[in-house]
N, C-alpha and C. Protein backbone atom coordinates (compact mmCIF):
# COMPACT_ATOMS: atom_id res chain seq x y z
N MET A 1 -23.28 23.53 8.39
CA MET A 1 -23.33 22.39 9.30
C MET A 1 -22.23 21.40 8.88
N PRO A 2 -21.38 20.98 9.80
CA PRO A 2 -20.35 19.99 9.47
C PRO A 2 -20.97 18.68 9.00
N ALA A 3 -20.25 17.98 8.13
CA ALA A 3 -20.74 16.74 7.54
C ALA A 3 -21.13 15.71 8.59
N VAL A 4 -20.41 15.64 9.70
CA VAL A 4 -20.71 14.62 10.70
C VAL A 4 -22.07 14.84 11.34
N GLU A 5 -22.54 16.09 11.38
CA GLU A 5 -23.85 16.34 11.97
C GLU A 5 -24.98 15.83 11.07
N ARG A 6 -24.73 15.81 9.76
CA ARG A 6 -25.76 15.33 8.83
C ARG A 6 -25.85 13.81 8.83
N ALA A 7 -24.76 13.15 9.19
CA ALA A 7 -24.73 11.69 9.15
C ALA A 7 -25.44 11.15 10.39
N SER A 8 -26.68 10.73 10.24
CA SER A 8 -27.48 10.29 11.39
C SER A 8 -26.88 9.09 12.12
N PRO A 9 -26.25 8.13 11.43
CA PRO A 9 -25.71 6.99 12.19
C PRO A 9 -24.39 7.31 12.91
N PHE A 10 -23.87 8.53 12.75
CA PHE A 10 -22.58 8.86 13.36
C PHE A 10 -22.59 8.63 14.87
N LYS A 11 -23.67 9.04 15.52
CA LYS A 11 -23.76 8.86 16.97
C LYS A 11 -23.66 7.38 17.33
N GLU A 12 -24.38 6.53 16.59
CA GLU A 12 -24.35 5.09 16.86
C GLU A 12 -22.95 4.52 16.58
N TYR A 13 -22.32 4.99 15.50
CA TYR A 13 -20.96 4.53 15.18
C TYR A 13 -20.01 4.87 16.32
N MET A 14 -20.14 6.07 16.86
CA MET A 14 -19.25 6.48 17.94
C MET A 14 -19.52 5.70 19.22
N GLN A 15 -20.76 5.34 19.46
CA GLN A 15 -21.07 4.51 20.63
C GLN A 15 -20.41 3.14 20.47
N GLU A 16 -20.51 2.57 19.27
CA GLU A 16 -19.88 1.28 19.01
C GLU A 16 -18.36 1.40 19.08
N TYR A 17 -17.82 2.49 18.56
CA TYR A 17 -16.38 2.74 18.62
C TYR A 17 -15.91 2.76 20.07
N LYS A 18 -16.65 3.46 20.91
CA LYS A 18 -16.30 3.54 22.33
C LYS A 18 -16.35 2.16 22.98
N ARG A 19 -17.38 1.37 22.65
CA ARG A 19 -17.48 0.01 23.20
C ARG A 19 -16.27 -0.83 22.78
N GLN A 20 -15.96 -0.78 21.50
CA GLN A 20 -14.84 -1.58 20.99
C GLN A 20 -13.50 -1.13 21.57
N MET A 21 -13.32 0.19 21.69
CA MET A 21 -12.08 0.70 22.26
C MET A 21 -11.98 0.31 23.73
N GLY A 22 -13.11 0.23 24.42
CA GLY A 22 -13.13 -0.18 25.81
C GLY A 22 -12.66 -1.61 26.00
N LYS A 23 -12.90 -2.46 25.02
CA LYS A 23 -12.44 -3.84 25.09
C LYS A 23 -10.92 -3.93 24.99
N GLY A 24 -10.33 -3.01 24.23
CA GLY A 24 -8.87 -2.96 24.11
C GLY A 24 -8.27 -3.76 22.97
N ASP A 25 -9.01 -4.72 22.41
CA ASP A 25 -8.46 -5.56 21.34
C ASP A 25 -8.11 -4.77 20.09
N ILE A 26 -8.98 -3.89 19.67
CA ILE A 26 -8.74 -3.11 18.46
C ILE A 26 -7.53 -2.21 18.65
N ARG A 27 -7.43 -1.57 19.79
CA ARG A 27 -6.30 -0.69 20.07
C ARG A 27 -4.99 -1.48 19.99
N GLU A 28 -4.95 -2.65 20.61
CA GLU A 28 -3.73 -3.46 20.61
C GLU A 28 -3.41 -4.00 19.22
N ALA A 29 -4.44 -4.41 18.49
CA ALA A 29 -4.23 -4.90 17.12
C ALA A 29 -3.68 -3.78 16.24
N TYR A 30 -4.27 -2.61 16.35
CA TYR A 30 -3.83 -1.48 15.53
C TYR A 30 -2.39 -1.09 15.90
N ARG A 31 -2.09 -1.03 17.18
CA ARG A 31 -0.73 -0.69 17.62
C ARG A 31 0.27 -1.72 17.08
N GLY A 32 -0.05 -2.98 17.20
CA GLY A 32 0.84 -4.04 16.70
C GLY A 32 1.02 -3.97 15.20
N LEU A 33 -0.06 -3.70 14.49
CA LEU A 33 0.01 -3.58 13.03
C LEU A 33 0.89 -2.40 12.63
N MET A 34 0.72 -1.26 13.28
CA MET A 34 1.53 -0.08 12.94
C MET A 34 3.00 -0.33 13.27
N GLU A 35 3.28 -1.02 14.37
CA GLU A 35 4.66 -1.35 14.71
C GLU A 35 5.26 -2.28 13.66
N TYR A 36 4.47 -3.24 13.19
CA TYR A 36 4.96 -4.15 12.15
C TYR A 36 5.25 -3.39 10.85
N ILE A 37 4.36 -2.50 10.46
CA ILE A 37 4.56 -1.75 9.22
C ILE A 37 5.79 -0.84 9.35
N MET A 38 6.00 -0.24 10.50
CA MET A 38 7.21 0.57 10.72
C MET A 38 8.47 -0.31 10.61
N ALA A 39 8.41 -1.51 11.18
CA ALA A 39 9.55 -2.43 11.11
C ALA A 39 9.78 -2.90 9.67
N LEU A 40 8.70 -3.13 8.94
CA LEU A 40 8.81 -3.55 7.54
C LEU A 40 9.46 -2.44 6.71
N ARG A 41 9.05 -1.21 6.94
CA ARG A 41 9.64 -0.07 6.25
C ARG A 41 11.13 0.02 6.57
N SER A 42 11.48 -0.13 7.84
CA SER A 42 12.89 -0.09 8.25
C SER A 42 13.68 -1.23 7.61
N HIS A 43 13.07 -2.41 7.51
CA HIS A 43 13.71 -3.56 6.89
C HIS A 43 14.12 -3.22 5.46
N PHE A 44 13.19 -2.65 4.68
CA PHE A 44 13.50 -2.29 3.30
C PHE A 44 14.57 -1.20 3.24
N ALA A 45 14.48 -0.22 4.12
CA ALA A 45 15.44 0.88 4.12
C ALA A 45 16.85 0.38 4.44
N GLU A 46 16.96 -0.55 5.39
CA GLU A 46 18.27 -1.06 5.80
C GLU A 46 18.84 -2.08 4.82
N LYS A 47 17.99 -2.96 4.31
CA LYS A 47 18.47 -4.05 3.45
C LYS A 47 18.69 -3.61 2.01
N TYR A 48 18.02 -2.56 1.58
CA TYR A 48 18.11 -2.12 0.19
C TYR A 48 18.48 -0.64 0.12
N PRO A 49 19.73 -0.31 0.45
CA PRO A 49 20.14 1.10 0.46
C PRO A 49 20.07 1.75 -0.93
N ALA A 50 20.05 0.96 -1.99
CA ALA A 50 19.94 1.53 -3.34
C ALA A 50 18.52 2.05 -3.61
N TYR A 51 17.58 1.63 -2.79
CA TYR A 51 16.20 2.13 -2.91
C TYR A 51 16.02 3.30 -1.95
N SER A 52 15.34 4.30 -2.43
CA SER A 52 14.97 5.39 -1.53
C SER A 52 13.70 4.95 -0.80
N VAL A 53 13.74 5.00 0.50
CA VAL A 53 12.58 4.63 1.31
C VAL A 53 12.25 5.84 2.19
N PRO A 54 11.38 6.73 1.67
CA PRO A 54 11.06 7.94 2.44
C PRO A 54 10.60 7.59 3.85
N GLY A 55 10.81 8.51 4.76
CA GLY A 55 10.51 8.27 6.17
C GLY A 55 9.04 8.24 6.53
N ASN A 56 8.19 8.75 5.66
CA ASN A 56 6.79 8.85 6.05
C ASN A 56 6.04 7.54 5.80
N ILE A 57 5.19 7.25 6.74
CA ILE A 57 4.20 6.19 6.59
C ILE A 57 2.86 6.90 6.57
N TYR A 58 2.03 6.55 5.59
CA TYR A 58 0.68 7.10 5.54
C TYR A 58 -0.20 6.16 6.36
N TYR A 59 -0.73 6.67 7.44
CA TYR A 59 -1.51 5.82 8.35
C TYR A 59 -2.96 5.71 7.95
N GLY A 60 -3.46 6.65 7.17
CA GLY A 60 -4.81 6.58 6.64
C GLY A 60 -5.90 6.73 7.68
N TYR A 61 -7.09 6.38 7.25
CA TYR A 61 -8.30 6.49 8.08
C TYR A 61 -8.85 5.09 8.34
N MET A 62 -7.95 4.18 8.65
CA MET A 62 -8.29 2.77 8.83
C MET A 62 -8.86 2.19 7.53
N ASP A 63 -8.49 2.80 6.40
CA ASP A 63 -8.81 2.22 5.10
C ASP A 63 -7.55 1.57 4.53
N MET A 64 -6.45 2.32 4.53
CA MET A 64 -5.17 1.78 4.10
C MET A 64 -4.04 2.46 4.85
N THR A 65 -2.97 1.72 4.98
CA THR A 65 -1.73 2.23 5.55
C THR A 65 -0.64 1.80 4.60
N TYR A 66 0.28 2.72 4.26
CA TYR A 66 1.33 2.33 3.32
C TYR A 66 2.59 3.16 3.51
N PHE A 67 3.67 2.64 2.90
CA PHE A 67 4.92 3.39 2.78
C PHE A 67 5.43 3.16 1.37
N SER A 68 6.30 4.07 0.93
CA SER A 68 6.81 4.02 -0.44
C SER A 68 8.25 3.55 -0.50
N ILE A 69 8.57 2.98 -1.63
CA ILE A 69 9.93 2.58 -1.99
C ILE A 69 10.16 3.15 -3.39
N VAL A 70 11.31 3.79 -3.60
CA VAL A 70 11.60 4.34 -4.92
C VAL A 70 12.91 3.74 -5.41
N PRO A 71 12.80 2.68 -6.25
CA PRO A 71 14.02 2.14 -6.85
C PRO A 71 14.70 3.21 -7.71
N GLU A 72 16.00 3.18 -7.77
CA GLU A 72 16.76 4.15 -8.55
C GLU A 72 16.23 4.23 -9.99
N SER A 73 15.90 3.08 -10.56
CA SER A 73 15.43 3.03 -11.95
C SER A 73 14.08 3.71 -12.15
N PHE A 74 13.35 3.98 -11.08
CA PHE A 74 12.03 4.61 -11.20
C PHE A 74 12.08 6.12 -11.04
N LYS A 75 13.17 6.63 -10.49
CA LYS A 75 13.24 8.05 -10.14
C LYS A 75 13.01 8.96 -11.33
N SER A 76 13.69 8.70 -12.46
CA SER A 76 13.55 9.59 -13.61
C SER A 76 12.15 9.52 -14.22
N SER A 77 11.45 8.43 -13.99
CA SER A 77 10.08 8.27 -14.49
C SER A 77 9.05 8.84 -13.53
N LYS A 78 9.50 9.26 -12.35
CA LYS A 78 8.63 9.78 -11.30
C LYS A 78 7.62 8.73 -10.83
N LEU A 79 8.11 7.49 -10.75
CA LEU A 79 7.28 6.38 -10.28
C LEU A 79 7.78 5.93 -8.91
N LYS A 80 6.91 5.25 -8.19
CA LYS A 80 7.27 4.70 -6.89
C LYS A 80 6.45 3.44 -6.67
N VAL A 81 6.88 2.67 -5.71
CA VAL A 81 6.18 1.45 -5.31
C VAL A 81 5.65 1.71 -3.90
N ALA A 82 4.43 1.30 -3.66
CA ALA A 82 3.85 1.42 -2.32
C ALA A 82 3.53 0.03 -1.79
N ILE A 83 3.95 -0.23 -0.58
CA ILE A 83 3.54 -1.45 0.12
C ILE A 83 2.36 -1.03 0.98
N VAL A 84 1.22 -1.63 0.70
CA VAL A 84 -0.06 -1.16 1.22
C VAL A 84 -0.72 -2.25 2.06
N PHE A 85 -1.21 -1.86 3.23
CA PHE A 85 -2.07 -2.74 4.02
C PHE A 85 -3.49 -2.20 3.90
N LEU A 86 -4.39 -3.04 3.39
CA LEU A 86 -5.80 -2.67 3.25
C LEU A 86 -6.55 -3.19 4.47
N HIS A 87 -7.06 -2.26 5.26
CA HIS A 87 -7.68 -2.63 6.54
C HIS A 87 -8.97 -3.44 6.37
N ASP A 88 -9.79 -3.11 5.37
CA ASP A 88 -11.08 -3.81 5.26
C ASP A 88 -10.92 -5.28 4.91
N THR A 89 -9.87 -5.62 4.15
CA THR A 89 -9.65 -7.03 3.78
C THR A 89 -8.49 -7.65 4.55
N CYS A 90 -7.79 -6.84 5.34
CA CYS A 90 -6.63 -7.30 6.11
C CYS A 90 -5.61 -8.01 5.22
N ARG A 91 -5.25 -7.37 4.12
CA ARG A 91 -4.24 -7.97 3.24
C ARG A 91 -3.21 -6.92 2.83
N PHE A 92 -2.05 -7.43 2.43
CA PHE A 92 -0.98 -6.57 1.93
C PHE A 92 -0.96 -6.62 0.41
N GLU A 93 -0.75 -5.46 -0.19
CA GLU A 93 -0.60 -5.36 -1.64
C GLU A 93 0.61 -4.51 -1.94
N VAL A 94 1.08 -4.60 -3.18
CA VAL A 94 2.11 -3.71 -3.67
C VAL A 94 1.52 -3.00 -4.87
N TRP A 95 1.75 -1.69 -4.93
CA TRP A 95 1.20 -0.87 -6.01
C TRP A 95 2.31 -0.10 -6.69
N LEU A 96 2.19 0.04 -8.00
CA LEU A 96 3.00 0.99 -8.73
C LEU A 96 2.19 2.27 -8.75
N ALA A 97 2.82 3.38 -8.40
CA ALA A 97 2.12 4.66 -8.35
C ALA A 97 3.00 5.75 -8.96
N GLY A 98 2.36 6.83 -9.35
CA GLY A 98 3.08 7.98 -9.89
C GLY A 98 3.24 9.04 -8.82
N SER A 99 4.19 9.94 -9.05
CA SER A 99 4.43 11.01 -8.08
C SER A 99 3.32 12.05 -8.10
N ASN A 100 2.51 12.06 -9.17
CA ASN A 100 1.35 12.95 -9.25
C ASN A 100 0.33 12.34 -10.21
N ARG A 101 -0.82 12.95 -10.33
CA ARG A 101 -1.91 12.40 -11.15
C ARG A 101 -1.55 12.33 -12.63
N GLN A 102 -0.79 13.32 -13.11
CA GLN A 102 -0.41 13.34 -14.52
C GLN A 102 0.51 12.15 -14.85
N VAL A 103 1.50 11.92 -14.01
CA VAL A 103 2.41 10.79 -14.20
C VAL A 103 1.63 9.49 -14.11
N GLN A 104 0.74 9.41 -13.14
CA GLN A 104 -0.07 8.20 -12.96
C GLN A 104 -0.89 7.92 -14.21
N ALA A 105 -1.56 8.93 -14.75
CA ALA A 105 -2.39 8.74 -15.94
C ALA A 105 -1.55 8.32 -17.14
N GLN A 106 -0.38 8.90 -17.29
CA GLN A 106 0.51 8.58 -18.41
C GLN A 106 0.92 7.10 -18.37
N TYR A 107 1.36 6.64 -17.21
CA TYR A 107 1.83 5.26 -17.11
C TYR A 107 0.67 4.26 -17.06
N TRP A 108 -0.44 4.66 -16.49
CA TRP A 108 -1.61 3.78 -16.51
C TRP A 108 -2.00 3.49 -17.95
N LYS A 109 -2.02 4.51 -18.77
CA LYS A 109 -2.37 4.36 -20.20
C LYS A 109 -1.36 3.44 -20.89
N LEU A 110 -0.07 3.61 -20.59
CA LEU A 110 0.96 2.76 -21.19
C LEU A 110 0.73 1.30 -20.84
N PHE A 111 0.50 1.01 -19.56
CA PHE A 111 0.27 -0.38 -19.15
C PHE A 111 -1.04 -0.92 -19.74
N LYS A 112 -2.09 -0.13 -19.68
CA LYS A 112 -3.41 -0.57 -20.15
C LYS A 112 -3.38 -0.87 -21.65
N GLU A 113 -2.82 0.06 -22.42
CA GLU A 113 -2.81 -0.11 -23.88
C GLU A 113 -1.86 -1.20 -24.34
N SER A 114 -0.90 -1.57 -23.50
CA SER A 114 0.05 -2.63 -23.88
C SER A 114 -0.61 -4.01 -23.82
N GLY A 115 -1.72 -4.11 -23.10
CA GLY A 115 -2.37 -5.40 -22.92
C GLY A 115 -1.67 -6.28 -21.90
N TRP A 116 -0.81 -5.68 -21.11
CA TRP A 116 -0.04 -6.43 -20.11
C TRP A 116 -0.98 -7.06 -19.10
N LYS A 117 -0.79 -8.34 -18.81
CA LYS A 117 -1.70 -9.07 -17.93
C LYS A 117 -0.99 -9.68 -16.71
N LYS A 118 0.27 -9.34 -16.53
CA LYS A 118 1.02 -9.97 -15.44
C LYS A 118 0.45 -9.61 -14.07
N TYR A 119 -0.01 -8.35 -13.92
CA TYR A 119 -0.59 -7.88 -12.66
C TYR A 119 -1.87 -7.12 -12.96
N ARG A 120 -2.66 -6.86 -11.90
CA ARG A 120 -3.92 -6.12 -12.05
C ARG A 120 -3.65 -4.67 -12.44
N ILE A 121 -4.41 -4.21 -13.40
CA ILE A 121 -4.42 -2.79 -13.75
C ILE A 121 -5.81 -2.31 -13.38
N PRO A 122 -5.93 -1.52 -12.32
CA PRO A 122 -7.26 -1.10 -11.86
C PRO A 122 -7.90 -0.13 -12.84
N ALA A 123 -9.20 -0.02 -12.77
CA ALA A 123 -9.90 0.98 -13.58
C ALA A 123 -9.48 2.35 -13.07
N MET A 124 -9.16 3.23 -14.00
CA MET A 124 -8.74 4.59 -13.61
C MET A 124 -9.98 5.36 -13.18
N GLY A 125 -9.86 6.08 -12.11
CA GLY A 125 -10.99 6.87 -11.64
C GLY A 125 -10.63 7.66 -10.40
N LYS A 126 -11.57 8.44 -9.97
CA LYS A 126 -11.36 9.26 -8.78
C LYS A 126 -11.08 8.37 -7.58
N GLY A 127 -10.04 8.71 -6.85
CA GLY A 127 -9.69 7.94 -5.65
C GLY A 127 -8.81 6.74 -5.92
N VAL A 128 -8.49 6.45 -7.18
CA VAL A 128 -7.61 5.33 -7.50
C VAL A 128 -6.18 5.85 -7.48
N ASP A 129 -5.36 5.26 -6.62
CA ASP A 129 -4.00 5.75 -6.42
C ASP A 129 -2.94 4.86 -7.04
N SER A 130 -3.35 3.84 -7.77
CA SER A 130 -2.37 2.89 -8.30
C SER A 130 -2.47 2.80 -9.82
N ILE A 131 -1.35 2.38 -10.40
CA ILE A 131 -1.26 2.13 -11.83
C ILE A 131 -1.38 0.62 -12.06
N VAL A 132 -0.64 -0.12 -11.26
CA VAL A 132 -0.60 -1.58 -11.32
C VAL A 132 -0.64 -2.07 -9.86
N GLU A 133 -1.32 -3.19 -9.63
CA GLU A 133 -1.46 -3.73 -8.27
C GLU A 133 -1.16 -5.23 -8.25
N HIS A 134 -0.71 -5.69 -7.09
CA HIS A 134 -0.48 -7.12 -6.90
C HIS A 134 -0.64 -7.45 -5.42
N THR A 135 -1.30 -8.55 -5.12
CA THR A 135 -1.48 -8.99 -3.74
C THR A 135 -0.20 -9.66 -3.25
N LEU A 136 0.28 -9.20 -2.10
CA LEU A 136 1.48 -9.77 -1.49
C LEU A 136 1.14 -10.85 -0.47
N ALA A 137 0.11 -10.61 0.32
CA ALA A 137 -0.32 -11.57 1.34
C ALA A 137 -1.83 -11.44 1.51
N GLU A 138 -2.54 -12.41 0.99
CA GLU A 138 -4.02 -12.41 1.05
C GLU A 138 -4.51 -12.58 2.48
N ASN A 139 -3.90 -13.52 3.20
CA ASN A 139 -4.25 -13.79 4.60
C ASN A 139 -2.96 -13.79 5.41
N PRO A 140 -2.44 -12.60 5.74
CA PRO A 140 -1.14 -12.54 6.41
C PRO A 140 -1.13 -13.31 7.73
N ASP A 141 -0.04 -14.04 7.95
CA ASP A 141 0.12 -14.78 9.20
C ASP A 141 0.87 -13.88 10.18
N PHE A 142 0.13 -13.18 11.02
CA PHE A 142 0.74 -12.28 11.98
C PHE A 142 1.35 -13.04 13.16
N GLY A 143 1.23 -14.36 13.15
CA GLY A 143 1.87 -15.18 14.17
C GLY A 143 3.30 -15.53 13.80
N ASP A 144 3.70 -15.26 12.54
CA ASP A 144 5.06 -15.54 12.07
C ASP A 144 5.52 -14.35 11.24
N LEU A 145 5.91 -13.28 11.92
CA LEU A 145 6.25 -12.03 11.23
C LEU A 145 7.49 -12.16 10.37
N GLU A 146 8.44 -13.02 10.74
CA GLU A 146 9.63 -13.20 9.91
C GLU A 146 9.26 -13.79 8.55
N SER A 147 8.41 -14.81 8.55
CA SER A 147 7.97 -15.40 7.28
C SER A 147 7.14 -14.41 6.47
N LEU A 148 6.30 -13.67 7.15
CA LEU A 148 5.48 -12.67 6.47
C LEU A 148 6.38 -11.62 5.80
N THR A 149 7.39 -11.17 6.51
CA THR A 149 8.32 -10.19 5.95
C THR A 149 9.04 -10.77 4.73
N ARG A 150 9.49 -12.02 4.82
CA ARG A 150 10.16 -12.66 3.68
C ARG A 150 9.22 -12.75 2.48
N GLN A 151 7.97 -13.10 2.73
CA GLN A 151 6.98 -13.21 1.66
C GLN A 151 6.75 -11.85 1.00
N ILE A 152 6.55 -10.83 1.80
CA ILE A 152 6.33 -9.48 1.27
C ILE A 152 7.55 -9.00 0.51
N GLU A 153 8.72 -9.24 1.07
CA GLU A 153 9.97 -8.82 0.44
C GLU A 153 10.15 -9.50 -0.92
N ALA A 154 10.03 -10.82 -0.96
CA ALA A 154 10.25 -11.57 -2.21
C ALA A 154 9.27 -11.13 -3.30
N LYS A 155 8.00 -11.02 -2.95
CA LYS A 155 7.00 -10.64 -3.95
C LYS A 155 7.17 -9.18 -4.39
N THR A 156 7.60 -8.32 -3.47
CA THR A 156 7.83 -6.92 -3.83
C THR A 156 9.01 -6.81 -4.79
N LEU A 157 10.09 -7.53 -4.51
CA LEU A 157 11.26 -7.49 -5.39
C LEU A 157 10.93 -8.04 -6.77
N ARG A 158 10.14 -9.10 -6.82
CA ARG A 158 9.71 -9.66 -8.11
C ARG A 158 8.86 -8.65 -8.87
N PHE A 159 7.94 -7.98 -8.17
CA PHE A 159 7.09 -6.95 -8.76
C PHE A 159 7.95 -5.83 -9.34
N ILE A 160 8.91 -5.34 -8.57
CA ILE A 160 9.79 -4.27 -9.03
C ILE A 160 10.55 -4.72 -10.28
N GLY A 161 11.10 -5.92 -10.24
CA GLY A 161 11.83 -6.46 -11.39
C GLY A 161 10.96 -6.56 -12.63
N ASP A 162 9.73 -7.03 -12.45
CA ASP A 162 8.81 -7.15 -13.59
C ASP A 162 8.44 -5.79 -14.16
N ILE A 163 8.24 -4.81 -13.30
CA ILE A 163 7.93 -3.46 -13.76
C ILE A 163 9.13 -2.87 -14.49
N GLU A 164 10.33 -3.06 -13.93
CA GLU A 164 11.54 -2.57 -14.60
C GLU A 164 11.69 -3.19 -15.98
N GLU A 165 11.43 -4.49 -16.08
CA GLU A 165 11.53 -5.18 -17.38
C GLU A 165 10.51 -4.61 -18.37
N PHE A 166 9.28 -4.43 -17.92
CA PHE A 166 8.24 -3.86 -18.78
C PHE A 166 8.66 -2.48 -19.29
N LEU A 167 9.10 -1.64 -18.36
CA LEU A 167 9.47 -0.26 -18.72
C LEU A 167 10.67 -0.22 -19.68
N SER A 168 11.59 -1.15 -19.54
CA SER A 168 12.75 -1.17 -20.42
C SER A 168 12.37 -1.52 -21.86
N LYS A 169 11.23 -2.19 -22.02
CA LYS A 169 10.76 -2.58 -23.36
C LYS A 169 9.75 -1.59 -23.94
N HIS A 170 9.26 -0.69 -23.12
CA HIS A 170 8.23 0.26 -23.59
C HIS A 170 8.74 1.66 -23.39
């Protein structure tokens, strides 16, 4: 039996989903958000050609949506930066992540054991995709996308610089 058949509230969730989709607000908000994230990704790709900005955006399951940036200095370490939108809190974060679980565990241990407190180091566990995290926009102003982009850009660049500095010393 598929998992959705066992979930008794699934039918009610789908009825509510249909009601909300019928209103149209969620569809338009989601479309606008995805367009903004695509534009933000393009902004980084165009303005920072020294960074690799892969073409894929992970759209998620309305839990998170993100894209990656790989500064040249991170490539040999197999690290990347993710600009993440968390749907449940409606905020943007930047995460340091590894190219695989082994790399992630190695660098998580390095940051954790160093006692570094500049940014959040999440508890390592199943489903944790970050090594280090930082909030870029707690309450994003979607009414002023240019300012929001500048805020995300400035804090992301500072985060990358701080990570580069840490790695150069460790």
